[in-house]
Amino acid sequence: QADSPATVEQTEEKEEGLGGVAWSKRLEEMEKRQTRIEALLEEIARGMRK
């Protein structure tokens, strides 16, 4: 279990105090990009179904 990847929450806790605000902002931006990518993929899939 020690080698398992850290969850977002674990990473946030670990980095809190050492640029915690910067990490939080970075994660928020990543989530926004992820949402945009998912929307684009859905648009592409809809176009392929026609």
N, C-alpha and C. Protein backbone atom coordinates (compact mmCIF):
# COMPACT_ATOMS: atom_id res chain seq x y z
N GLN A 1 0.82 -1.21 0.00
CA GLN A 1 0.00 0.00 0.00
C GLN A 1 0.86 1.26 0.00
N ALA A 2 2.07 1.17 0.50
CA ALA A 2 2.94 2.34 0.61
C ALA A 2 3.27 2.94 -0.76
N ASP A 3 3.26 2.11 -1.80
CA ASP A 3 3.61 2.59 -3.13
C ASP A 3 2.41 3.09 -3.93
N SER A 4 1.23 3.03 -3.35
CA SER A 4 0.05 3.47 -4.09
C SER A 4 0.08 4.97 -4.32
N PRO A 5 -0.46 5.42 -5.46
CA PRO A 5 -0.45 6.86 -5.75
C PRO A 5 -1.26 7.65 -4.72
N ALA A 6 -0.83 8.85 -4.46
CA ALA A 6 -1.52 9.72 -3.50
C ALA A 6 -2.82 10.22 -4.11
N THR A 7 -3.82 10.36 -3.27
CA THR A 7 -5.06 10.97 -3.74
C THR A 7 -4.87 12.48 -3.76
N VAL A 8 -5.78 13.18 -4.40
CA VAL A 8 -5.72 14.64 -4.44
C VAL A 8 -5.73 15.19 -3.02
N GLU A 9 -6.60 14.61 -2.17
CA GLU A 9 -6.69 15.08 -0.79
C GLU A 9 -5.37 14.90 -0.05
N GLN A 10 -4.73 13.75 -0.23
CA GLN A 10 -3.45 13.50 0.43
C GLN A 10 -2.39 14.48 -0.07
N THR A 11 -2.39 14.74 -1.36
CA THR A 11 -1.44 15.68 -1.94
C THR A 11 -1.68 17.08 -1.39
N GLU A 12 -2.96 17.48 -1.31
CA GLU A 12 -3.28 18.80 -0.77
C GLU A 12 -2.82 18.93 0.67
N GLU A 13 -3.06 17.88 1.48
CA GLU A 13 -2.65 17.92 2.88
C GLU A 13 -1.14 18.02 2.99
N LYS A 14 -0.44 17.25 2.19
CA LYS A 14 1.02 17.23 2.23
C LYS A 14 1.61 18.59 1.86
N GLU A 15 1.02 19.23 0.87
CA GLU A 15 1.56 20.49 0.37
C GLU A 15 1.01 21.72 1.10
N GLU A 16 0.03 21.52 1.98
CA GLU A 16 -0.54 22.65 2.71
C GLU A 16 0.56 23.34 3.50
N GLY A 17 0.63 24.64 3.40
CA GLY A 17 1.68 25.38 4.09
C GLY A 17 2.89 25.59 3.20
N LEU A 18 3.16 24.67 2.30
CA LEU A 18 4.25 24.82 1.34
C LEU A 18 3.65 25.12 -0.02
N GLY A 19 3.09 26.30 -0.13
CA GLY A 19 2.45 26.67 -1.39
C GLY A 19 1.08 26.04 -1.53
N GLY A 20 0.40 25.83 -0.42
CA GLY A 20 -0.92 25.22 -0.44
C GLY A 20 -1.90 25.97 -1.32
N VAL A 21 -1.83 27.29 -1.26
CA VAL A 21 -2.74 28.11 -2.07
C VAL A 21 -2.43 27.92 -3.55
N ALA A 22 -1.15 27.87 -3.88
CA ALA A 22 -0.74 27.67 -5.27
C ALA A 22 -1.21 26.30 -5.77
N TRP A 23 -1.08 25.27 -4.92
CA TRP A 23 -1.53 23.93 -5.30
C TRP A 23 -3.03 23.92 -5.52
N SER A 24 -3.76 24.57 -4.63
CA SER A 24 -5.21 24.62 -4.73
C SER A 24 -5.63 25.28 -6.04
N LYS A 25 -4.96 26.37 -6.38
CA LYS A 25 -5.26 27.10 -7.61
C LYS A 25 -4.93 26.23 -8.83
N ARG A 26 -3.80 25.54 -8.76
CA ARG A 26 -3.39 24.67 -9.86
C ARG A 26 -4.39 23.54 -10.08
N LEU A 27 -4.83 22.92 -8.99
CA LEU A 27 -5.81 21.84 -9.09
C LEU A 27 -7.13 22.35 -9.66
N GLU A 28 -7.53 23.55 -9.26
CA GLU A 28 -8.76 24.15 -9.77
C GLU A 28 -8.67 24.37 -11.28
N GLU A 29 -7.52 24.87 -11.74
CA GLU A 29 -7.32 25.09 -13.17
C GLU A 29 -7.34 23.76 -13.93
N MET A 30 -6.74 22.73 -13.35
CA MET A 30 -6.73 21.41 -13.98
C MET A 30 -8.16 20.87 -14.11
N GLU A 31 -8.97 21.08 -13.09
CA GLU A 31 -10.36 20.63 -13.13
C GLU A 31 -11.13 21.36 -14.23
N LYS A 32 -10.88 22.66 -14.39
CA LYS A 32 -11.54 23.43 -15.45
C LYS A 32 -11.15 22.90 -16.83
N ARG A 33 -9.85 22.63 -17.01
CA ARG A 33 -9.39 22.09 -18.30
C ARG A 33 -10.01 20.71 -18.55
N GLN A 34 -10.07 19.89 -17.51
CA GLN A 34 -10.66 18.56 -17.64
C GLN A 34 -12.12 18.65 -18.09
N THR A 35 -12.87 19.56 -17.50
CA THR A 35 -14.27 19.76 -17.87
C THR A 35 -14.38 20.17 -19.33
N ARG A 36 -13.50 21.07 -19.76
CA ARG A 36 -13.51 21.54 -21.16
C ARG A 36 -13.17 20.40 -22.11
N ILE A 37 -12.17 19.59 -21.76
CA ILE A 37 -11.78 18.45 -22.59
C ILE A 37 -12.94 17.47 -22.72
N GLU A 38 -13.61 17.19 -21.60
CA GLU A 38 -14.75 16.27 -21.64
C GLU A 38 -15.85 16.80 -22.54
N ALA A 39 -16.11 18.10 -22.47
CA ALA A 39 -17.15 18.70 -23.32
C ALA A 39 -16.77 18.58 -24.80
N LEU A 40 -15.50 18.81 -25.11
CA LEU A 40 -15.05 18.69 -26.50
C LEU A 40 -15.16 17.26 -27.00
N LEU A 41 -14.80 16.29 -26.15
CA LEU A 41 -14.91 14.89 -26.54
C LEU A 41 -16.37 14.49 -26.79
N GLU A 42 -17.27 14.99 -25.96
CA GLU A 42 -18.69 14.72 -26.17
C GLU A 42 -19.16 15.30 -27.50
N GLU A 43 -18.68 16.50 -27.81
CA GLU A 43 -19.04 17.15 -29.07
C GLU A 43 -18.54 16.33 -30.26
N ILE A 44 -17.32 15.84 -30.16
CA ILE A 44 -16.74 15.02 -31.23
C ILE A 44 -17.54 13.73 -31.38
N ALA A 45 -17.88 13.09 -30.26
CA ALA A 45 -18.64 11.84 -30.31
C ALA A 45 -20.00 12.05 -30.95
N ARG A 46 -20.66 13.16 -30.62
CA ARG A 46 -21.96 13.47 -31.23
C ARG A 46 -21.81 13.62 -32.74
N GLY A 47 -20.75 14.28 -33.17
CA GLY A 47 -20.51 14.47 -34.60
C GLY A 47 -20.26 13.16 -35.33
N MET A 48 -19.63 12.21 -34.66
CA MET A 48 -19.34 10.92 -35.27
C MET A 48 -20.58 10.05 -35.39
N ARG A 49 -21.57 10.28 -34.54
CA ARG A 49 -22.79 9.47 -34.55
C ARG A 49 -23.72 9.84 -35.71
N LYS A 50 -23.54 11.03 -36.28
CA LYS A 50 -24.44 11.50 -37.34
C LYS A 50 -24.19 10.76 -38.64
